[in-house]
Amino acid sequence: MSQNSTARFQWRAFVTLFVTLSFLLIAASGLVLYVAPPGRVAHWSLWTLGGLDKEGWQSIHTVFAFLFVLAGVFHVYFNWRILWSYLRSKLVAGIRMKRELGLAAGLVVAIGVLTVADLPPFATVMDLGTRAKEGWSVEGAEPPVPHAEIMTLERLAAVTQIPVDRALGNLEKAGLDDATPRSTIAALASAHGRTPEQVWAALRGQEKPKELAAGGGYGRKTVEEVCAQLEISPEEGLARLRRHGIEATAASSMKSLADRHGRNPHDLLQILAGA
């Protein structure tokens, strides 16, 4: 047997290639998630891309980001001498470049502050992503309330003001005769090979249910803007929030308000809607 065929496994080369491929996969999955539909649309229509649903892409992104960091540690270990020599030479040079170092550090801090404060131009990046996500929404194909697929029929009927017996009757006519008030839209969809959107269409029949505001991005809206979508006055909306122990103003951001009270924007949306 030749020496080449019995060559030792090159761990350094393996780690380098793994880091490179992981980086490419993280970049690709990050781009997919940047433009993927919001969860309410993805779950409602069972959206997939490349055979993976949104949770699948999120899992790929998270797992490979973790492995990328872990592989990076091994990469540093295998190349420690080279990296230390390089860093030491750059550190000495950096000490002589105080202005450049100060500018770089200041820029990093400024970008971080502007991003967290949701200010331009970095807020624009998030806004573009939001527009791309909302581009998947089609009028009439939205869930009646956020995460309607995980609600029981009893709860969904109450929120949308469709009598539960009528909802069950509509489902029976559509061939979903195993539905009960405790069934969820998602469970029925899975059992009958349909999407939650199709089950909802069967449930509502010819009814015109009460639906919450169309569209998403509620975290970036003010209380007044959401009230306008719900066709209620800001005063009524603020009164509903107060009844749940939430003090706000019409100009309050839904996201900051939700963060302050340990909730999420959709929780506040349902309170404002009187659900």
Protein backbone atom coordinates (compact mmCIF):
# COMPACT_ATOMS: atom_id res chain seq x y z
CA MET A 1 0.00 0.00 0.00
CA SER A 2 1.42 3.41 -1.01
CA GLN A 3 2.27 6.12 1.44
CA ASN A 4 -0.33 8.45 -0.10
CA SER A 5 -3.18 5.99 0.49
CA THR A 6 -2.30 5.72 4.18
CA ALA A 7 -1.78 9.45 4.71
CA ARG A 8 -3.07 10.74 8.03
CA PHE A 9 -6.37 12.60 8.13
CA GLN A 10 -5.69 16.34 7.86
CA TRP A 11 -7.65 17.82 10.74
CA ARG A 12 -6.43 21.34 10.04
CA ALA A 13 -7.68 21.19 6.45
CA PHE A 14 -10.95 19.60 7.61
CA VAL A 15 -11.63 22.38 10.13
CA THR A 16 -10.77 25.09 7.59
CA LEU A 17 -13.14 23.60 5.01
CA PHE A 18 -15.88 23.10 7.62
CA VAL A 19 -15.61 26.73 8.73
CA THR A 20 -15.82 27.92 5.12
CA LEU A 21 -18.82 25.76 4.21
CA SER A 22 -20.60 26.64 7.47
CA PHE A 23 -20.11 30.34 6.75
CA LEU A 24 -21.68 29.94 3.31
CA LEU A 25 -24.64 28.04 4.76
CA ILE A 26 -25.14 30.62 7.53
CA ALA A 27 -25.09 33.40 4.94
CA ALA A 28 -27.59 31.57 2.71
CA SER A 29 -29.99 30.70 5.53
CA GLY A 30 -29.71 34.24 6.91
CA LEU A 31 -30.73 35.65 3.53
CA VAL A 32 -33.68 33.24 3.34
CA LEU A 33 -34.86 34.24 6.83
CA TYR A 34 -34.42 37.93 5.97
CA VAL A 35 -37.04 37.67 3.20
CA ALA A 36 -39.12 34.73 4.51
CA PRO A 37 -42.78 35.43 5.30
CA PRO A 38 -43.78 36.31 8.87
CA GLY A 39 -44.60 33.35 11.07
CA ARG A 40 -48.34 33.95 10.86
CA VAL A 41 -48.23 33.61 7.06
CA ALA A 42 -45.66 30.79 6.98
CA HIS A 43 -47.65 28.68 9.44
CA TRP A 44 -51.00 29.52 7.87
CA SER A 45 -50.03 28.53 4.33
CA LEU A 46 -47.39 25.90 5.27
CA TRP A 47 -44.76 27.92 3.37
CA THR A 48 -41.60 26.09 2.35
CA LEU A 49 -38.48 26.88 0.33
CA GLY A 50 -36.19 24.16 -0.92
CA GLY A 51 -38.26 21.61 0.97
CA LEU A 52 -37.76 23.33 4.33
CA ASP A 53 -40.33 25.32 6.29
CA LYS A 54 -39.42 28.45 8.24
CA GLU A 55 -38.57 26.52 11.40
CA GLY A 56 -36.30 24.27 9.32
CA TRP A 57 -34.37 27.25 7.99
CA GLN A 58 -34.17 28.74 11.48
CA SER A 59 -32.78 25.45 12.81
CA ILE A 60 -30.19 25.29 10.03
CA HIS A 61 -29.13 28.88 10.72
CA THR A 62 -28.90 28.44 14.49
CA VAL A 63 -27.15 25.06 14.53
CA PHE A 64 -24.55 25.99 11.94
CA ALA A 65 -23.93 29.35 13.62
CA PHE A 66 -23.15 27.44 16.82
CA LEU A 67 -20.94 24.93 14.97
CA PHE A 68 -19.23 27.78 13.11
CA VAL A 69 -18.15 29.31 16.43
CA LEU A 70 -17.06 25.90 17.74
CA ALA A 71 -15.10 25.13 14.58
CA GLY A 72 -13.59 28.62 14.79
CA VAL A 73 -12.16 27.72 18.20
CA PHE A 74 -10.49 24.64 16.70
CA HIS A 75 -9.30 26.73 13.76
CA VAL A 76 -7.55 29.08 16.18
CA TYR A 77 -6.09 26.07 18.02
CA PHE A 78 -4.60 24.53 14.87
CA ASN A 79 -3.24 27.85 13.62
CA TRP A 80 -2.30 29.43 16.94
CA ARG A 81 1.35 30.19 16.14
CA ILE A 82 0.59 31.81 12.80
CA LEU A 83 -2.34 33.79 14.23
CA TRP A 84 -0.38 34.93 17.29
CA SER A 85 2.51 36.11 15.14
CA TYR A 86 0.10 37.98 12.87
CA LEU A 87 -1.86 39.54 15.75
CA ARG A 88 1.29 40.58 17.58
CA SER A 89 2.64 42.36 14.51
CA LYS A 90 -0.71 44.09 13.94
CA LEU A 91 -1.02 45.01 17.61
CA VAL A 92 2.33 46.75 17.54
CA ALA A 93 1.30 48.55 14.36
CA GLY A 94 -2.10 49.39 15.89
CA ILE A 95 -0.49 51.09 18.87
CA ARG A 96 1.13 53.46 16.41
CA MET A 97 -2.23 54.08 14.71
CA LYS A 98 -4.22 55.54 17.58
CA ARG A 99 -6.48 57.64 15.34
CA GLU A 100 -7.40 54.68 13.16
CA LEU A 101 -8.04 52.48 16.20
CA GLY A 102 -10.16 55.18 17.85
CA LEU A 103 -12.19 55.75 14.71
CA ALA A 104 -12.80 52.01 14.21
CA ALA A 105 -13.89 51.55 17.84
CA GLY A 106 -16.10 54.64 17.74
CA LEU A 107 -17.73 53.48 14.51
CA VAL A 108 -18.52 50.07 15.99
CA VAL A 109 -20.12 51.67 19.07
CA ALA A 110 -22.08 54.19 16.94
CA ILE A 111 -23.45 51.47 14.65
CA GLY A 112 -24.46 49.38 17.66
CA VAL A 113 -26.25 52.30 19.34
CA LEU A 114 -28.07 53.38 16.16
CA THR A 115 -29.13 49.80 15.46
CA VAL A 116 -30.51 49.24 18.97
CA ALA A 117 -32.22 52.65 18.89
CA ASP A 118 -33.85 51.68 15.57
CA LEU A 119 -32.59 54.82 13.80
CA PRO A 120 -31.60 55.39 10.15
CA PRO A 121 -29.76 54.28 8.19
CA PHE A 122 -29.65 50.91 9.97
CA ALA A 123 -33.39 50.87 10.72
CA THR A 124 -33.80 50.97 6.94
CA VAL A 125 -32.23 47.52 6.71
CA MET A 126 -34.90 46.16 9.06
CA ASP A 127 -37.64 48.05 7.22
CA LEU A 128 -36.57 46.52 3.91
CA GLY A 129 -36.69 43.08 5.48
CA THR A 130 -40.17 43.79 6.85
CA ARG A 131 -41.38 44.89 3.41
CA ALA A 132 -39.92 41.74 1.85
CA LYS A 133 -41.66 39.58 4.44
CA GLU A 134 -44.99 41.36 4.02
CA GLY A 135 -44.72 40.86 0.27
CA TRP A 136 -45.73 37.25 0.87
CA SER A 137 -49.07 38.35 2.33
CA VAL A 138 -52.05 38.16 0.00
CA GLU A 139 -55.32 39.89 0.80
CA GLY A 140 -57.87 37.35 1.97
CA ALA A 141 -55.20 34.75 2.73
CA GLU A 142 -54.22 36.05 6.18
CA PRO A 143 -55.18 34.29 9.40
CA PRO A 144 -58.08 36.02 11.16
CA VAL A 145 -55.91 36.51 14.26
CA PRO A 146 -52.17 35.97 14.79
CA HIS A 147 -51.31 32.30 15.36
CA ALA A 148 -54.90 31.24 14.73
CA GLU A 149 -53.64 27.78 13.74
CA ILE A 150 -52.82 26.91 17.37
CA MET A 151 -56.15 28.11 18.78
CA THR A 152 -58.93 25.69 19.62
CA LEU A 153 -62.05 26.00 17.49
CA GLU A 154 -63.90 27.15 20.58
CA ARG A 155 -61.48 30.01 21.20
CA LEU A 156 -61.20 30.97 17.53
CA ALA A 157 -64.97 31.00 17.15
CA ALA A 158 -65.29 33.30 20.16
CA VAL A 159 -62.64 35.71 18.87
CA THR A 160 -64.08 35.86 15.34
CA GLN A 161 -67.68 35.83 16.59
CA ILE A 162 -68.74 32.75 14.62
CA PRO A 163 -71.02 30.44 16.66
CA VAL A 164 -69.02 27.30 17.42
CA ASP A 165 -71.89 24.96 16.46
CA ARG A 166 -72.09 26.65 13.08
CA ALA A 167 -68.31 26.36 12.66
CA LEU A 168 -68.47 22.63 13.43
CA GLY A 169 -71.36 22.24 10.99
CA ASN A 170 -69.37 23.95 8.23
CA LEU A 171 -66.40 21.68 8.89
CA GLU A 172 -68.59 18.58 8.78
CA LYS A 173 -69.96 19.63 5.38
CA ALA A 174 -66.35 19.97 4.16
CA GLY A 175 -65.52 16.43 5.28
CA LEU A 176 -63.83 17.34 8.56
CA ASP A 177 -66.42 15.53 10.66
CA ASP A 178 -63.96 14.63 13.45
CA ALA A 179 -63.65 18.25 14.61
CA THR A 180 -64.55 19.10 18.19
CA PRO A 181 -64.59 22.44 20.05
CA ARG A 182 -61.18 21.49 21.51
CA SER A 183 -59.60 20.72 18.12
CA THR A 184 -57.02 23.13 16.77
CA ILE A 185 -56.80 24.35 13.19
CA ALA A 186 -53.25 22.96 12.90
CA ALA A 187 -54.27 19.49 14.12
CA LEU A 188 -57.20 19.31 11.71
CA ALA A 189 -55.01 20.49 8.83
CA SER A 190 -52.40 17.84 9.60
CA ALA A 191 -54.98 15.06 9.98
CA HIS A 192 -56.69 15.86 6.69
CA GLY A 193 -53.71 16.84 4.54
CA ARG A 194 -54.75 20.46 4.23
CA THR A 195 -53.26 23.81 5.13
CA PRO A 196 -54.60 25.78 8.11
CA GLU A 197 -55.78 28.35 5.56
CA GLN A 198 -57.95 25.71 3.83
CA VAL A 199 -59.40 24.50 7.15
CA TRP A 200 -60.27 28.10 8.07
CA ALA A 201 -61.99 28.59 4.71
CA ALA A 202 -64.10 25.50 5.40
CA LEU A 203 -64.85 26.61 8.98
CA ARG A 204 -66.05 30.08 8.07
CA GLY A 205 -68.16 28.99 5.11
CA GLN A 206 -70.21 32.00 4.05
CA GLU A 207 -69.73 33.77 7.38
CA LYS A 208 -68.10 37.18 7.60
CA PRO A 209 -66.04 36.88 10.78
CA LYS A 210 -64.57 39.64 12.85
CA GLU A 211 -60.85 39.73 11.98
CA LEU A 212 -57.98 41.59 13.55
CA ALA A 213 -55.96 44.10 11.54
CA ALA A 214 -54.47 42.73 8.34
CA GLY A 215 -50.74 42.78 7.82
CA GLY A 216 -47.98 42.56 10.40
CA GLY A 217 -45.05 44.47 11.72
CA TYR A 218 -47.11 45.51 14.75
CA GLY A 219 -44.01 45.98 16.87
CA ARG A 220 -42.96 48.88 14.67
CA LYS A 221 -46.37 50.61 14.88
CA THR A 222 -47.71 52.99 17.51
CA VAL A 223 -50.83 52.34 19.56
CA GLU A 224 -52.63 55.02 17.55
CA GLU A 225 -51.72 53.37 14.22
CA VAL A 226 -52.96 49.97 15.39
CA CYS A 227 -56.19 51.51 16.71
CA ALA A 228 -56.75 53.06 13.29
CA GLN A 229 -56.36 49.62 11.66
CA LEU A 230 -58.81 48.14 14.15
CA GLU A 231 -61.24 51.02 13.51
CA ILE A 232 -61.44 52.05 17.17
CA SER A 233 -60.56 55.37 18.74
CA PRO A 234 -57.19 55.78 20.46
CA GLU A 235 -59.09 56.59 23.66
CA GLU A 236 -60.92 53.26 23.55
CA GLY A 237 -57.68 51.42 22.80
CA LEU A 238 -55.87 53.07 25.72
CA ALA A 239 -58.81 52.25 28.01
CA ARG A 240 -58.61 48.57 27.02
CA LEU A 241 -54.89 48.55 27.76
CA ARG A 242 -55.46 50.19 31.16
CA ARG A 243 -57.97 47.48 32.07
CA HIS A 244 -55.06 45.04 31.70
CA GLY A 245 -52.74 47.17 33.82
CA ILE A 246 -50.89 48.69 30.86
CA GLU A 247 -50.41 52.46 30.89
CA ALA A 248 -49.61 53.94 27.48
CA THR A 249 -50.06 56.93 25.22
CA ALA A 250 -51.31 57.02 21.64
CA ALA A 251 -47.72 57.56 20.48
CA SER A 252 -46.33 54.57 22.42
CA SER A 253 -44.46 52.03 20.32
CA MET A 254 -46.09 48.58 20.46
CA LYS A 255 -42.67 46.94 20.79
CA SER A 256 -41.37 49.12 23.61
CA LEU A 257 -44.73 48.84 25.38
CA ALA A 258 -44.71 45.05 25.08
CA ASP A 259 -41.09 44.80 26.28
CA ARG A 260 -41.86 46.98 29.29
CA HIS A 261 -44.72 44.72 30.39
CA GLY A 262 -43.15 41.36 29.58
CA ARG A 263 -45.46 40.65 26.64
CA ASN A 264 -45.18 40.55 22.87
CA PRO A 265 -46.84 42.96 20.39
CA HIS A 266 -49.45 40.37 19.36
CA ASP A 267 -50.60 40.11 22.98
CA LEU A 268 -51.23 43.85 22.98
CA LEU A 269 -52.92 43.59 19.57
CA GLN A 270 -55.46 41.13 20.91
CA ILE A 271 -56.12 43.35 23.93
CA LEU A 272 -56.68 46.34 21.65
CA ALA A 273 -58.99 44.25 19.49
CA GLY A 274 -61.02 43.25 22.52
CA ALA A 275 -60.27 39.58 21.93
